[in-house]
N, C-alpha and C. Protein backbone atom coordinates (compact mmCIF):
# COMPACT_ATOMS: atom_id res chain seq x y z
N UNK A 1 14.62 1.19 5.51
CA UNK A 1 13.31 2.17 5.05
C UNK A 1 12.59 3.35 6.35
N UNK A 2 12.78 2.53 7.45
CA UNK A 2 12.46 3.40 8.64
C UNK A 2 14.01 3.38 9.44
N UNK A 3 14.12 4.75 9.69
CA UNK A 3 15.73 5.13 10.52
C UNK A 3 15.22 4.58 11.88
N UNK A 4 16.37 3.56 12.20
CA UNK A 4 16.08 3.13 13.87
C UNK A 4 15.54 1.61 13.81
N UNK A 5 14.71 1.41 13.00
CA UNK A 5 13.89 0.23 13.04
C UNK A 5 14.86 -1.49 12.39
N UNK A 6 14.75 -2.18 13.52
CA UNK A 6 15.76 -3.49 13.24
C UNK A 6 14.66 -4.49 13.05
N UNK A 7 14.85 -4.92 11.76
CA UNK A 7 13.83 -6.38 11.47
C UNK A 7 14.33 -7.41 12.07
N UNK A 8 13.71 -8.18 12.89
CA UNK A 8 14.21 -9.66 13.27
C UNK A 8 13.68 -10.56 12.50
N UNK A 9 13.89 -11.16 11.05
CA UNK A 9 13.43 -11.89 10.39
C UNK A 9 12.65 -13.10 10.95
N UNK A 10 13.59 -13.59 11.99
CA UNK A 10 13.20 -14.95 12.25
C UNK A 10 11.81 -14.93 13.47
N UNK A 11 11.96 -13.52 14.17
CA UNK A 11 10.67 -13.24 14.89
C UNK A 11 9.46 -13.16 13.80
N UNK A 12 9.82 -12.24 12.74
CA UNK A 12 8.75 -12.48 11.77
C UNK A 12 8.12 -13.37 11.22
N UNK A 13 8.64 -14.64 10.77
CA UNK A 13 8.64 -15.55 10.46
C UNK A 13 7.94 -16.76 11.28
N UNK A 14 7.92 -16.67 12.67
CA UNK A 14 7.59 -17.35 13.75
C UNK A 14 6.30 -16.61 14.15
N UNK A 15 5.82 -15.32 13.86
CA UNK A 15 4.76 -14.71 13.78
C UNK A 15 3.62 -14.98 13.01
N UNK A 16 3.90 -15.75 11.88
CA UNK A 16 3.29 -16.02 10.91
C UNK A 16 2.47 -17.33 10.88
N UNK A 17 1.67 -17.53 11.53
CA UNK A 17 0.76 -18.83 12.32
C UNK A 17 -0.21 -19.12 10.78
N UNK A 18 -0.47 -20.57 11.00
CA UNK A 18 -1.20 -20.93 9.61
C UNK A 18 -2.54 -19.99 9.46
N UNK A 19 -3.43 -19.35 10.38
CA UNK A 19 -4.43 -18.85 9.85
C UNK A 19 -4.40 -17.44 9.25
N UNK A 20 -3.35 -16.83 9.25
CA UNK A 20 -2.57 -15.98 8.42
C UNK A 20 -2.68 -16.17 6.83
N UNK A 21 -2.72 -17.17 6.54
CA UNK A 21 -2.75 -17.89 5.19
C UNK A 21 -4.32 -18.05 4.54
N UNK A 22 -5.53 -18.09 5.49
CA UNK A 22 -6.81 -18.16 5.08
C UNK A 22 -7.01 -17.66 3.90
N UNK A 23 -6.64 -16.46 3.73
CA UNK A 23 -7.26 -15.43 2.23
C UNK A 23 -6.29 -16.41 0.95
N UNK A 24 -5.23 -16.53 1.44
CA UNK A 24 -4.44 -17.44 0.35
C UNK A 24 -5.00 -18.64 0.05
N UNK A 25 -5.51 -19.22 0.84
CA UNK A 25 -6.52 -20.94 0.66
C UNK A 25 -7.37 -20.15 -0.08
N UNK A 26 -8.32 -19.39 0.21
CA UNK A 26 -9.56 -19.02 -0.42
C UNK A 26 -9.11 -18.69 -1.94
N UNK A 27 -8.44 -17.70 -2.12
CA UNK A 27 -8.01 -17.46 -3.64
C UNK A 27 -7.35 -18.39 -4.35
N UNK A 28 -6.73 -19.58 -3.67
CA UNK A 28 -6.38 -20.53 -4.57
C UNK A 28 -7.36 -21.26 -4.78
N UNK A 29 -8.43 -21.95 -3.85
CA UNK A 29 -9.62 -22.64 -4.33
C UNK A 29 -10.38 -22.08 -5.11
N UNK A 30 -10.85 -20.77 -5.35
CA UNK A 30 -11.57 -19.96 -6.20
C UNK A 30 -10.85 -19.97 -7.36
N UNK A 31 -9.75 -19.86 -7.68
CA UNK A 31 -8.81 -19.93 -8.78
C UNK A 31 -9.13 -21.26 -9.39
N UNK A 32 -9.25 -22.39 -8.66
CA UNK A 32 -9.48 -23.54 -9.28
C UNK A 32 -11.04 -23.73 -9.51
N UNK A 33 -11.75 -22.81 -9.47
CA UNK A 33 -13.08 -22.90 -9.71
C UNK A 33 -14.35 -23.01 -8.87
N UNK A 34 -13.88 -23.06 -7.24
CA UNK A 34 -14.70 -23.36 -6.53
C UNK A 34 -15.63 -21.78 -6.26
N UNK A 35 -16.71 -22.24 -5.78
CA UNK A 35 -17.46 -20.96 -5.14
C UNK A 35 -16.92 -20.26 -4.24
N UNK A 36 -16.99 -18.53 -4.51
CA UNK A 36 -16.26 -17.72 -3.41
C UNK A 36 -16.73 -18.07 -2.01
N UNK A 37 -18.07 -17.97 -2.07
CA UNK A 37 -18.96 -17.84 -0.65
C UNK A 37 -18.82 -19.38 -0.44
N UNK A 38 -19.16 -20.35 -0.83
CA UNK A 38 -18.72 -21.81 -0.15
C UNK A 38 -16.97 -21.66 0.43
N UNK A 39 -16.34 -21.43 -0.39
CA UNK A 39 -14.78 -21.43 0.09
C UNK A 39 -14.58 -20.54 1.26
N UNK A 40 -14.92 -19.50 0.98
CA UNK A 40 -14.86 -18.54 2.00
C UNK A 40 -15.37 -18.82 3.19
N UNK A 41 -16.67 -19.65 3.45
CA UNK A 41 -17.41 -20.03 4.41
C UNK A 41 -16.56 -21.25 5.11
N UNK A 42 -16.14 -21.90 4.42
CA UNK A 42 -15.55 -23.37 4.35
C UNK A 42 -14.06 -23.26 5.14
N UNK A 43 -13.34 -22.15 4.70
CA UNK A 43 -12.41 -22.18 5.18
C UNK A 43 -12.30 -21.27 6.74
N UNK A 44 -13.19 -20.36 6.55
CA UNK A 44 -13.69 -19.64 7.85
C UNK A 44 -14.12 -20.49 8.88
N UNK A 45 -14.48 -21.48 8.73
CA UNK A 45 -15.03 -22.29 9.88
C UNK A 45 -14.46 -23.53 10.12
N UNK A 46 -13.32 -23.33 9.37
CA UNK A 46 -11.98 -24.42 9.66
C UNK A 46 -10.57 -24.02 9.62
N UNK A 47 -10.31 -22.55 10.08
CA UNK A 47 -9.17 -22.10 10.48
C UNK A 47 -8.06 -23.16 11.19
N UNK A 48 -8.12 -23.82 11.93
CA UNK A 48 -7.46 -24.75 12.38
C UNK A 48 -6.70 -25.91 11.68
N UNK A 49 -7.59 -25.93 10.61
CA UNK A 49 -7.16 -26.58 9.65
C UNK A 49 -6.06 -26.33 8.40
N UNK A 50 -6.10 -24.92 8.28
CA UNK A 50 -5.35 -24.02 7.22
C UNK A 50 -3.71 -24.36 7.75
N UNK A 51 -3.25 -24.87 6.67
CA UNK A 51 -1.97 -25.21 6.87
C UNK A 51 -0.73 -24.04 6.37
N UNK A 52 0.10 -23.68 7.23
CA UNK A 52 1.40 -22.71 6.88
C UNK A 52 1.90 -22.95 5.34
N UNK A 53 2.12 -21.77 4.84
CA UNK A 53 3.22 -21.74 3.60
C UNK A 53 4.27 -20.95 3.89
N UNK A 54 4.99 -21.03 3.08
CA UNK A 54 6.53 -20.15 3.35
C UNK A 54 5.92 -18.95 3.31
N UNK A 55 5.98 -17.58 4.10
CA UNK A 55 5.84 -16.46 3.82
C UNK A 55 6.06 -15.78 2.95
N UNK A 56 7.28 -16.13 2.40
CA UNK A 56 8.10 -15.30 1.20
C UNK A 56 6.95 -15.60 0.06
N UNK A 57 6.87 -16.90 -0.19
CA UNK A 57 6.03 -17.25 -1.23
C UNK A 57 4.49 -16.56 -1.42
N UNK A 58 3.96 -16.55 -0.19
CA UNK A 58 2.56 -16.10 0.22
C UNK A 58 2.80 -14.55 -0.31
N UNK A 59 3.73 -13.81 0.12
CA UNK A 59 3.94 -12.52 -0.17
C UNK A 59 4.19 -11.88 -1.74
N UNK A 60 4.90 -13.03 -2.48
CA UNK A 60 5.28 -13.10 -3.78
C UNK A 60 4.02 -12.77 -4.75
N UNK A 61 3.34 -13.87 -4.12
CA UNK A 61 1.86 -14.39 -4.99
C UNK A 61 1.08 -13.28 -4.66
N UNK A 62 0.99 -12.23 -3.92
CA UNK A 62 -0.14 -11.21 -4.14
C UNK A 62 0.66 -10.06 -4.79
N UNK A 63 -0.08 -10.28 -6.07
CA UNK A 63 0.52 -9.19 -6.90
C UNK A 63 -0.17 -8.07 -7.43
N UNK A 64 -1.57 -7.87 -6.89
CA UNK A 64 -2.24 -6.77 -7.22
C UNK A 64 -1.58 -5.33 -6.69
N UNK A 65 -1.78 -4.42 -7.51
CA UNK A 65 -1.29 -3.19 -7.06
C UNK A 65 -1.62 -2.97 -5.80
N UNK A 66 -0.77 -2.62 -4.83
CA UNK A 66 -0.98 -2.26 -3.52
C UNK A 66 -1.08 -3.27 -2.38
N UNK A 67 -1.06 -4.58 -2.85
CA UNK A 67 -0.65 -5.67 -2.23
C UNK A 67 0.92 -5.73 -1.73
N UNK A 68 1.07 -6.66 -0.44
CA UNK A 68 2.51 -6.65 -0.29
C UNK A 68 3.41 -7.16 -1.04
N UNK A 69 2.67 -8.02 -2.15
CA UNK A 69 4.07 -8.21 -3.09
C UNK A 69 4.08 -7.09 -4.36
N UNK A 70 3.26 -6.26 -4.13
CA UNK A 70 3.08 -5.07 -5.58
C UNK A 70 2.89 -3.89 -4.90
N UNK A 71 3.73 -3.13 -3.71
CA UNK A 71 3.14 -2.06 -3.23
C UNK A 71 3.02 -0.95 -3.90
N UNK A 72 3.64 -0.66 -5.23
CA UNK A 72 3.58 0.17 -5.90
C UNK A 72 4.06 1.70 -5.57
N UNK A 73 5.15 1.27 -4.49
CA UNK A 73 5.43 2.76 -4.39
C UNK A 73 5.85 3.38 -5.21
N UNK A 74 6.51 2.73 -6.34
CA UNK A 74 7.27 4.00 -7.35
C UNK A 74 6.53 4.77 -8.21
N UNK A 75 5.62 4.24 -8.17
CA UNK A 75 4.05 4.61 -8.87
C UNK A 75 3.96 6.07 -8.06
N UNK A 76 3.62 5.43 -6.85
CA UNK A 76 2.80 6.49 -6.06
C UNK A 76 3.82 7.51 -6.05
N UNK A 77 5.13 7.61 -5.64
CA UNK A 77 6.00 8.62 -5.46
C UNK A 77 6.13 9.41 -6.37
N UNK A 78 6.00 8.77 -7.60
CA UNK A 78 5.76 9.70 -9.50
C UNK A 78 4.80 10.56 -9.21
N UNK A 79 3.38 10.11 -9.05
CA UNK A 79 2.09 10.91 -8.59
C UNK A 79 2.30 12.14 -7.40
N UNK A 80 3.03 11.37 -6.37
CA UNK A 80 3.30 12.64 -5.05
C UNK A 80 4.00 13.73 -5.92
N UNK A 81 5.28 13.44 -6.73
CA UNK A 81 5.99 14.54 -7.28
C UNK A 81 5.40 15.19 -8.06
N UNK A 82 4.53 14.61 -9.02
CA UNK A 82 3.84 15.43 -9.89
C UNK A 82 2.50 16.33 -9.43
N UNK A 83 2.29 15.98 -8.34
CA UNK A 83 1.05 16.94 -7.65
C UNK A 83 1.72 18.11 -7.15
N UNK A 84 3.25 17.72 -6.37
CA UNK A 84 3.84 18.46 -5.59
C UNK A 84 4.15 19.83 -7.03
N UNK A 85 4.34 19.46 -7.79
CA UNK A 85 4.94 20.11 -9.39
C UNK A 85 3.72 21.12 -9.47
N UNK A 86 2.48 20.31 -9.84
CA UNK A 86 1.37 21.27 -9.82
C UNK A 86 1.12 22.12 -9.02
N UNK A 87 1.18 21.99 -7.73
CA UNK A 87 0.92 22.54 -6.53
C UNK A 87 1.49 23.98 -6.64
N UNK A 88 3.18 23.76 -6.31
CA UNK A 88 3.95 24.40 -6.66
C UNK A 88 3.78 25.59 -7.80
N UNK A 89 3.60 25.10 -8.90
CA UNK A 89 3.11 26.12 -10.18
C UNK A 89 1.86 26.86 -10.14
N UNK A 90 0.86 26.76 -9.19
CA UNK A 90 -0.15 27.02 -9.07
C UNK A 90 0.05 28.10 -8.11
N UNK A 91 0.88 27.73 -6.94
CA UNK A 91 0.97 28.76 -5.74
C UNK A 91 1.64 29.86 -6.64
N UNK A 92 2.89 29.59 -7.55
CA UNK A 92 3.48 31.02 -8.05
C UNK A 92 2.73 31.88 -9.09
N UNK A 93 1.81 31.01 -9.49
CA UNK A 93 0.62 31.89 -10.60
C UNK A 93 -0.09 32.60 -9.43
N UNK A 94 -0.68 31.92 -8.67
CA UNK A 94 -1.10 32.79 -7.54
C UNK A 94 -0.83 33.89 -7.27
N UNK A 95 0.39 33.84 -6.55
CA UNK A 95 1.31 34.88 -6.07
C UNK A 95 1.37 36.18 -6.77
N UNK A 96 1.81 35.57 -8.52
CA UNK A 96 2.19 36.53 -9.63
C UNK A 96 0.63 37.55 -9.38
N UNK A 97 -0.63 36.91 -9.57
CA UNK A 97 -1.77 37.48 -9.75
C UNK A 97 -2.11 38.39 -8.62
N UNK A 98 -1.86 37.76 -7.61
CA UNK A 98 -2.20 38.64 -6.32
C UNK A 98 -1.26 39.73 -6.36
N UNK A 99 0.14 39.65 -6.40
CA UNK A 99 0.98 40.81 -6.51
C UNK A 99 0.44 42.09 -7.65
N UNK A 100 0.24 41.68 -8.87
CA UNK A 100 -0.26 42.27 -9.63
C UNK A 100 -1.97 43.34 -9.71
N UNK A 101 -2.60 42.46 -9.06
CA UNK A 101 -3.92 42.90 -8.20
C UNK A 101 -3.71 44.03 -7.28
N UNK A 102 -2.20 43.74 -6.51
CA UNK A 102 -2.50 44.42 -5.31
C UNK A 102 -1.26 45.72 -5.40
N UNK A 103 -0.85 45.56 -6.72
CA UNK A 103 0.24 46.38 -6.69
C UNK A 103 1.52 46.17 -5.76
N UNK A 104 1.80 45.04 -5.21
CA UNK A 104 2.93 44.61 -4.73
C UNK A 104 4.07 44.01 -5.42
N UNK A 105 5.31 44.22 -4.67
CA UNK A 105 6.42 43.44 -5.66
C UNK A 105 6.55 42.48 -5.13
N UNK A 106 6.37 41.78 -3.60
CA UNK A 106 6.51 40.67 -3.17
C UNK A 106 5.12 40.38 -2.40
N UNK A 107 5.10 38.63 -2.28
CA UNK A 107 3.92 38.40 -1.11
C UNK A 107 4.76 37.37 -0.39
N UNK A 108 4.37 37.57 0.82
CA UNK A 108 5.34 36.84 1.74
C UNK A 108 4.12 35.78 1.86
N UNK A 109 4.69 34.21 1.70
CA UNK A 109 3.92 33.07 2.24
C UNK A 109 4.05 32.54 3.54
N UNK A 110 3.16 32.62 4.21
CA UNK A 110 2.93 31.80 5.71
C UNK A 110 3.22 30.43 5.51
N UNK A 111 4.26 29.55 5.79
CA UNK A 111 4.35 27.72 5.57
C UNK A 111 4.06 27.70 7.14
N UNK A 112 3.09 27.04 7.49
CA UNK A 112 2.79 26.30 8.80
C UNK A 112 2.99 25.23 8.99
């Protein structure tokens, strides 16, 4: 994805210390019916008791759009492409109007 970037998977996994999974623990307990504020406080005050889980499982469990398990990059790229097309079409229209108003045959666009 990034030219020249080498991912060392073992180093990444080794860096995943248990407290990284505090949010996962909170969400799991809330899903079981516990009160969010109480769970959030309890987990936050007891980070040393949070147990590590498989980082791949944790990532896959994050399924909301924009989270690590569902980045939604395809949708964002489609939106970017649509916006680029709209901008290009508007620019073409503006250039045509400007040319007609100024009786010019061409308009030079300076691209910074």
